[in-house]
Amino acid sequence: MSDAYVVGDPDGLSPLLVELRDTIARELHAQVALRGERIELADLPEVSYQVTIQVERALRAWRPARRPPAEARFAGDRGPVDRSRTVTGDL
């Protein structure tokens, strides 16, 4: 199997989908190698189970890239509040 599929252009996929695609490709490659380059119909439940286990591991390990707080704010968000100018007490 060529690594081009595993490390190639993500084609506009989100980072999570890229990770899932790569995980599935790696597990299918391993299953094909384990089974002598051929997956029999009777083996599909076990292969599907193994792919599911790897996807679960990828989802548990996946963490989105952290953005700086300035970029993480929604449009129109006011940002941090300057408490030094807040008036407290009775007016």
Foldseek 3Di string as FASTA:
>chain_A
DDCCQLPHDPVPDDPLVSLLSNQLVVLVVVVCVVVVNDQDPVCVVVSVVSSVVSNVVSVVPDDDDDDPPVVPDDPPDPPDDDCVPDDDDDD
